[in-house]
Protein backbone atom coordinates (compact mmCIF):
# COMPACT_ATOMS: atom_id res chain seq x y z
CA MET A 1 -46.52 -16.12 17.37
CA HIS A 2 -43.83 -18.52 18.40
CA TYR A 3 -42.98 -21.36 20.74
CA LEU A 4 -40.54 -22.51 23.39
CA ASN A 5 -37.98 -25.30 23.13
CA LYS A 6 -38.59 -28.30 25.35
CA LEU A 7 -35.11 -28.04 26.83
CA SER A 8 -35.69 -24.44 27.81
CA GLN A 9 -39.04 -24.78 29.56
CA LEU A 10 -37.96 -23.09 32.75
CA PRO A 11 -40.71 -21.68 35.00
CA PHE A 12 -41.68 -18.08 34.34
CA LYS A 13 -42.46 -17.39 37.99
CA ASN A 14 -40.45 -14.44 39.27
CA GLY A 15 -37.41 -15.56 41.20
CA SER A 16 -37.68 -19.19 40.10
CA THR A 17 -34.51 -19.16 38.00
CA LYS A 18 -31.02 -18.05 38.95
CA LEU A 19 -30.14 -14.76 37.38
CA GLY A 20 -26.99 -14.44 35.41
CA ILE A 21 -26.67 -18.04 34.26
CA ILE A 22 -25.34 -18.22 30.72
CA ARG A 23 -23.62 -21.16 29.03
CA LEU A 24 -21.17 -20.16 26.31
CA TYR A 25 -19.64 -22.61 23.87
CA SER A 26 -16.00 -22.17 22.93
CA SER A 27 -16.91 -22.83 19.33
CA THR A 28 -19.17 -19.78 19.31
CA PRO A 29 -17.32 -16.94 17.56
CA TYR A 30 -19.23 -14.34 19.56
CA SER A 31 -18.47 -15.75 23.04
CA GLU A 32 -16.42 -12.82 24.34
CA GLN A 33 -18.79 -10.35 22.74
CA LEU A 34 -21.75 -12.11 24.34
CA LYS A 35 -20.10 -12.13 27.76
CA SER A 36 -19.60 -8.39 27.61
CA TRP A 37 -23.15 -7.88 26.31
CA LYS A 38 -24.60 -10.00 29.10
CA GLN A 39 -22.72 -8.14 31.81
CA ASN A 40 -23.83 -4.77 30.49
CA LEU A 41 -27.39 -5.92 29.98
CA PHE A 42 -27.84 -6.76 33.66
CA LYS A 43 -26.98 -3.14 34.44
CA LYS A 44 -29.58 -1.85 32.02
CA LYS A 45 -33.01 -0.57 32.99
CA ARG A 46 -35.63 0.87 30.70
CA VAL A 47 -38.10 3.36 32.16
CA ALA A 48 -40.96 4.76 30.10
CA THR A 49 -44.12 6.75 30.72
CA ASP A 50 -47.41 6.64 28.89
CA THR A 51 -51.05 7.62 29.25
CA ILE A 52 -54.00 5.27 28.85
CA THR A 53 -56.06 7.14 26.30
CA ALA A 54 -59.62 6.48 25.21
CA SER A 55 -58.50 6.57 21.57
CA GLN A 56 -55.91 3.79 21.97
CA ILE A 57 -58.42 1.57 23.81
CA ASN A 58 -61.02 2.23 21.10
CA LEU A 59 -58.56 1.34 18.33
CA LEU A 60 -57.76 -1.98 19.99
CA GLY A 61 -61.47 -2.48 20.60
CA ASN A 62 -62.12 -2.13 16.89
CA THR A 63 -59.23 -4.45 16.05
CA LEU A 64 -60.78 -7.12 18.30
CA ASP A 65 -64.39 -6.09 17.60
CA HIS A 66 -64.96 -5.74 21.33
CA PRO A 67 -68.67 -4.96 21.94
CA LYS A 68 -67.95 -2.24 24.51
CA PHE A 69 -65.19 -0.44 22.65
CA ASN A 70 -65.82 -0.90 18.92
CA TYR A 71 -67.02 1.65 16.35
CA ASP A 72 -66.93 5.11 17.96
CA GLN A 73 -67.43 3.93 21.54
CA LEU A 74 -64.65 5.78 23.30
CA PRO A 75 -64.54 4.83 26.99
CA GLN A 76 -64.98 7.54 29.58
CA GLU A 77 -62.12 8.55 31.82
CA GLY A 78 -61.87 6.23 34.80
CA THR A 79 -63.09 3.17 32.87
CA ALA A 80 -61.10 0.06 33.79
CA ILE A 81 -59.43 -1.37 30.69
CA PRO A 82 -59.70 -5.11 29.90
CA LEU A 83 -56.94 -7.30 31.26
CA GLY A 84 -54.02 -7.69 28.88
CA TRP A 85 -54.65 -4.45 27.04
CA HIS A 86 -51.62 -2.89 28.73
CA LEU A 87 -49.68 -4.63 25.94
CA VAL A 88 -50.50 -1.82 23.50
CA PHE A 89 -48.74 0.78 25.63
CA PHE A 90 -45.06 1.65 26.07
CA PRO A 91 -43.93 1.12 22.47
CA VAL A 92 -40.20 1.41 21.88
CA ARG A 93 -39.83 4.89 20.40
CA VAL A 94 -36.86 4.75 18.04
CA PRO A 95 -36.38 5.67 14.36
CA GLU A 96 -36.26 2.93 11.74
CA LYS A 97 -32.47 2.97 11.55
CA GLU A 98 -32.33 1.65 15.14
CA LEU A 99 -34.45 -1.44 14.38
CA ALA A 100 -33.19 -4.90 13.46
CA ARG A 101 -33.34 -5.73 9.75
CA GLU A 102 -36.37 -7.94 10.57
CA GLY A 103 -38.13 -4.87 11.96
CA TYR A 104 -38.18 -5.54 15.71
CA HIS A 105 -36.57 -3.29 18.30
CA LYS A 106 -33.15 -4.31 19.62
CA ASP A 107 -33.47 -3.31 23.29
CA TRP A 108 -32.57 -6.76 24.62
CA SER A 109 -31.13 -8.40 21.50
CA PRO A 110 -27.77 -10.24 21.63
CA PRO A 111 -24.94 -9.23 19.29
CA GLY A 112 -23.76 -11.28 16.35
CA ASN A 113 -25.92 -13.44 14.11
CA TYR A 114 -28.70 -14.13 16.63
CA THR A 115 -31.13 -12.04 14.63
CA HIS A 116 -34.15 -14.33 14.39
CA ARG A 117 -36.49 -13.45 17.30
CA ILE A 118 -39.18 -15.74 18.69
CA TRP A 119 -41.75 -14.73 21.33
CA ALA A 120 -41.71 -17.76 23.66
CA GLY A 121 -44.12 -16.90 26.47
CA GLY A 122 -44.24 -15.28 29.86
CA GLN A 123 -46.29 -14.48 32.90
CA VAL A 124 -48.50 -11.57 33.99
CA ASP A 125 -49.56 -10.86 37.59
CA TRP A 126 -52.27 -8.26 38.13
CA VAL A 127 -52.99 -6.30 41.29
CA VAL A 128 -56.71 -7.01 41.32
CA LYS A 129 -57.58 -4.02 43.50
CA ASN A 130 -55.68 -1.57 41.28
CA PRO A 131 -56.82 -1.99 37.66
CA LEU A 132 -55.47 0.28 34.97
CA ARG A 133 -58.02 2.88 33.91
CA VAL A 134 -58.53 5.29 31.06
CA GLY A 135 -56.75 8.52 31.92
CA ASP A 136 -54.10 6.91 34.09
CA LYS A 137 -50.58 8.26 33.81
CA ILE A 138 -48.52 5.08 33.89
CA THR A 139 -44.85 4.24 34.32
CA MET A 140 -43.12 1.07 33.18
CA GLU A 141 -39.74 -0.17 34.36
CA ALA A 142 -38.03 -3.06 32.57
CA SER A 143 -34.91 -4.95 33.59
CA LEU A 144 -33.16 -8.13 32.62
CA ARG A 145 -34.11 -11.21 34.61
CA ASP A 146 -32.05 -13.94 32.99
CA VAL A 147 -29.95 -14.88 29.96
CA GLN A 148 -29.28 -18.46 28.99
CA PHE A 149 -27.98 -20.48 26.09
CA LYS A 150 -29.64 -23.60 24.70
CA ASP A 151 -28.05 -25.19 21.67
CA ASP A 152 -27.75 -22.44 19.03
CA SER A 153 -30.13 -19.99 20.69
CA VAL A 154 -30.07 -17.22 23.28
CA PHE A 155 -32.95 -17.03 25.76
CA VAL A 156 -33.65 -13.61 27.23
CA TRP A 157 -36.08 -13.03 30.09
CA VAL A 158 -37.16 -9.46 30.86
CA ASN A 159 -39.17 -8.33 33.87
CA ARG A 160 -41.54 -5.38 33.61
CA THR A 161 -43.60 -3.54 36.20
CA ILE A 162 -46.33 -0.99 35.55
CA HIS A 163 -47.44 1.59 38.10
CA ASN A 164 -50.24 4.13 38.05
CA GLN A 165 -50.94 6.91 40.53
CA HIS A 166 -52.11 4.36 43.10
CA GLY A 167 -49.02 2.16 42.94
CA LEU A 168 -48.19 -1.17 41.33
CA ALA A 169 -50.85 -2.30 38.83
CA LEU A 170 -49.16 -5.36 37.31
CA SER A 171 -45.88 -7.16 36.88
CA GLU A 172 -44.86 -9.15 33.84
CA SER A 173 -42.09 -11.46 32.71
CA ARG A 174 -41.40 -12.11 29.02
CA CYS A 175 -39.13 -14.59 27.30
CA CYS A 176 -37.82 -14.14 23.77
CA ILE A 177 -35.56 -16.54 21.92
CA TYR A 178 -32.88 -15.27 19.55
CA THR A 179 -31.34 -17.72 17.10
CA ASP A 180 -29.04 -17.56 14.09
CA HIS A 181 -31.04 -19.78 11.79
CA TYR A 182 -34.59 -20.32 10.57
CA GLN A 183 -34.88 -24.07 10.86
CA MET A 184 -35.35 -24.30 14.63
CA ARG A 185 -39.12 -24.48 14.38
CA GLU A 186 -39.35 -27.99 13.01
CA ARG A 187 -37.23 -29.40 15.86
CA GLU A 188 -39.06 -27.31 18.43
CA VAL A 189 -42.52 -28.48 17.43
CA ALA A 190 -41.50 -32.14 17.42
CA ASN A 191 -40.06 -31.83 20.92
CA ILE A 192 -42.62 -29.60 22.56
CA THR A 193 -45.66 -31.67 21.62
CA GLU A 194 -44.32 -34.51 23.72
CA ASN A 195 -44.67 -32.46 26.89
CA LYS A 196 -48.22 -31.27 27.44
CA SER A 197 -48.98 -29.77 30.84
CA CYS A 198 -52.75 -30.04 30.33
CA SER A 199 -54.30 -33.44 30.80
CA HIS A 200 -56.11 -35.20 27.98
CA ASP A 201 -59.37 -34.94 29.91
CA ILE A 202 -59.07 -31.17 30.21
CA LEU A 203 -58.08 -30.69 26.58
CA SER A 204 -60.85 -32.90 25.25
CA ASN A 205 -63.60 -31.33 27.38
CA PRO A 206 -63.29 -27.53 27.42
CA GLU A 207 -65.74 -25.57 29.54
CA PHE A 208 -65.82 -22.77 27.00
CA THR A 209 -64.63 -22.23 23.43
CA TYR A 210 -64.33 -19.21 21.19
CA SER A 211 -63.33 -19.27 17.52
CA ILE A 212 -61.62 -16.48 15.63
CA LYS A 213 -59.72 -16.14 12.36
CA PRO A 214 -56.95 -13.51 12.45
CA THR A 215 -56.75 -11.87 9.02
CA PRO A 216 -53.97 -9.79 7.44
CA VAL A 217 -55.94 -6.71 8.48
CA THR A 218 -56.12 -7.94 12.10
CA LEU A 219 -52.37 -8.45 12.25
CA PHE A 220 -51.57 -5.18 10.49
CA ARG A 221 -53.84 -3.23 12.83
CA PHE A 222 -52.33 -4.82 15.92
CA SER A 223 -48.82 -4.12 14.60
CA ALA A 224 -49.80 -0.50 14.00
CA ILE A 225 -51.37 -0.02 17.43
CA THR A 226 -48.34 -1.48 19.18
CA PHE A 227 -45.81 0.24 16.87
CA ASN A 228 -44.42 -3.22 16.13
CA ALA A 229 -42.58 -3.38 12.80
CA HIS A 230 -41.53 -7.06 12.98
CA LEU A 231 -41.89 -8.26 9.38
CA ILE A 232 -43.18 -11.70 10.32
CA HIS A 233 -46.58 -10.19 11.14
CA TYR A 234 -47.31 -8.29 7.94
CA ASP A 235 -44.79 -9.06 5.18
CA HIS A 236 -45.96 -12.14 3.27
CA VAL A 237 -42.77 -12.47 1.22
CA TYR A 238 -40.57 -12.35 4.31
CA ALA A 239 -42.78 -14.81 6.21
CA THR A 240 -42.95 -17.36 3.41
CA GLU A 241 -39.59 -17.05 1.66
CA VAL A 242 -37.25 -16.16 4.54
CA GLU A 243 -38.92 -17.83 7.52
CA LYS A 244 -40.53 -20.56 5.42
CA GLN A 245 -43.93 -20.15 7.07
CA LYS A 246 -47.32 -20.65 5.42
CA GLY A 247 -47.97 -16.97 5.86
CA CYS A 248 -47.65 -14.11 8.32
CA LEU A 249 -47.90 -15.13 11.96
CA THR A 250 -50.18 -13.95 14.75
CA HIS A 251 -48.39 -11.96 17.46
CA GLY A 252 -47.61 -13.67 20.75
CA PRO A 253 -49.11 -10.75 22.74
CA LEU A 254 -52.25 -10.85 20.61
CA SER A 255 -52.67 -14.54 21.35
CA LEU A 256 -52.34 -13.75 25.05
CA ILE A 257 -55.04 -11.10 24.76
CA PHE A 258 -57.32 -13.62 23.03
CA MET A 259 -56.96 -16.04 25.95
CA VAL A 260 -57.22 -13.50 28.76
CA ASN A 261 -60.25 -11.72 27.26
CA GLN A 262 -62.18 -14.94 26.67
CA LEU A 263 -61.46 -16.28 30.14
CA ASP A 264 -62.38 -12.93 31.68
CA HIS A 265 -65.64 -12.91 29.71
CA HIS A 266 -66.41 -16.45 30.81
CA LEU A 267 -65.80 -15.64 34.48
CA ALA A 268 -67.94 -12.51 34.30
CA THR A 269 -70.94 -14.11 32.64
CA ARG A 270 -71.27 -17.45 34.33
CA ASP A 271 -71.75 -18.72 37.86
CA PHE A 272 -70.76 -22.28 38.51
CA ASP A 273 -70.18 -24.69 41.34
CA GLN A 274 -66.59 -25.55 42.03
CA THR A 275 -66.40 -29.30 41.41
CA ALA A 276 -63.75 -29.93 44.05
CA CYS A 277 -65.85 -28.51 46.90
CA GLU A 278 -69.25 -27.01 47.63
CA LYS A 279 -68.07 -23.42 47.63
CA ARG A 280 -69.75 -21.20 45.04
CA ILE A 281 -67.40 -18.74 43.36
CA ARG A 282 -68.58 -15.21 42.56
CA ASN A 283 -66.83 -11.96 41.62
CA ARG A 284 -64.12 -13.98 39.97
CA GLN A 285 -61.19 -12.14 38.40
CA ILE A 286 -57.97 -13.29 36.81
CA LYS A 287 -55.06 -12.78 39.19
CA SER A 288 -52.24 -14.12 37.04
CA ILE A 289 -51.54 -16.11 33.90
CA ASP A 290 -48.48 -18.16 32.95
CA TYR A 291 -48.36 -19.03 29.24
CA ARG A 292 -46.14 -20.70 26.67
CA CYS A 293 -46.25 -20.37 22.90
CA LEU A 294 -45.82 -23.78 21.29
CA ASN A 295 -46.71 -23.57 17.59
CA PRO A 296 -47.13 -20.68 15.13
CA LEU A 297 -50.59 -19.41 14.23
CA PRO A 298 -50.59 -18.50 10.51
CA VAL A 299 -52.79 -15.72 9.27
CA ASP A 300 -56.19 -16.53 7.74
CA GLU A 301 -56.50 -19.83 9.59
CA PRO A 302 -59.23 -20.25 12.24
CA VAL A 303 -58.14 -20.81 15.82
CA THR A 304 -60.12 -21.79 18.90
CA VAL A 305 -59.59 -20.45 22.40
CA CYS A 306 -60.54 -23.05 25.02
CA GLY A 307 -60.62 -23.12 28.79
CA ARG A 308 -61.59 -25.29 31.69
CA TRP A 309 -61.56 -25.18 35.46
CA LYS A 310 -58.60 -27.08 36.89
CA ILE A 311 -59.68 -30.07 38.94
CA ASP A 312 -56.39 -30.11 40.88
CA GLN A 313 -56.40 -26.41 41.69
CA GLY A 314 -55.01 -26.85 45.23
CA LEU A 315 -55.35 -23.76 47.38
CA ASN A 316 -56.04 -21.36 44.51
CA PRO A 317 -58.90 -21.56 42.00
CA SER A 318 -57.36 -21.83 38.54
CA TYR A 319 -58.05 -22.47 34.88
CA ASP A 320 -56.29 -24.19 32.03
CA VAL A 321 -56.54 -22.06 28.90
CA TRP A 322 -55.23 -23.02 25.48
CA ILE A 323 -55.44 -22.14 21.79
CA VAL A 324 -55.94 -24.85 19.19
CA ASP A 325 -54.87 -24.20 15.62
CA SER A 326 -56.75 -25.15 12.45
CA HIS A 327 -55.17 -28.63 12.51
CA GLY A 328 -56.19 -29.40 16.08
CA LYS A 329 -52.73 -28.85 17.57
CA ILE A 330 -52.15 -26.83 20.71
CA ALA A 331 -50.52 -23.53 19.72
CA VAL A 332 -50.53 -21.77 23.09
CA LYS A 333 -51.21 -23.12 26.56
CA ALA A 334 -51.61 -21.29 29.83
CA SER A 335 -52.52 -21.62 33.47
CA ALA A 336 -54.48 -18.80 35.09
CA LEU A 337 -55.00 -18.21 38.82
CA ILE A 338 -58.36 -16.76 39.81
CA ASP A 339 -59.05 -14.29 42.60
CA ASP A 340 -62.40 -15.21 44.16
CA ALA A 341 -62.51 -12.66 46.95
């Protein structure tokens, strides 16, 4: 689980940044190499197919202790999967020799010494009328959206779309940061905490809360399900001695699942009056979520998922959702649009 530099907080909305912008410093020894890499990367597309199986959903259900999918409760074919659970499909299928020395796949990684990868955030937009279901044959297409430089780091945005037999089911944008050193975190945290998008009133008065403590087993299981070999999530020596963390870190995608699942549960189990008008909202579903990872979430430390209806929601009902770490700091923050049709 990682976080985004204040200087790089560009919107994640599709089309909101100019593609192809990259600032190269003449002092960077890899400038020409990076230019060539960037040009080739924009030509690259990754297409993969997968099947939503009952077994994979059950394994994630046991990892999260989901009441509908834990133990031996395998969902029947046609069952809609919880939002966010698409993240356990389309693993990068390569042998170990093709991975970075830190264990992650190198599909979108820059050349040179930018080997330290940080999951910074992203956005997911669901087609509410076309949920992914058990048994679906699904296709994912990924392409580069943007590459930018900030200080000593490379920011890579990748767009992904997932289709089933009925058409587009969701679109997603992800941002990862690649840097050549391990000391960026301290500067990042100091900067990012000065720029909170959620108001103090919202943060101090959540409408719902949910506490969880990711354990080494939780992180190992999620790594196994997603075929994610990044050492930061399961190798204590690497996490503490190389990356100088307190321990292994919770995955960015897992943090997103925590937030989406708790908000979805809240919307499904509670009717409430919209405070900004007299309209009563029913059949509420999450339409999209835009999130940023701000601070790491070390293993074996309790975290709290919080959420509250946005007072200034404008034309679209929306929620602020955030994760607070064991020290009361915001680790992840998000804004979710709600479909109330």
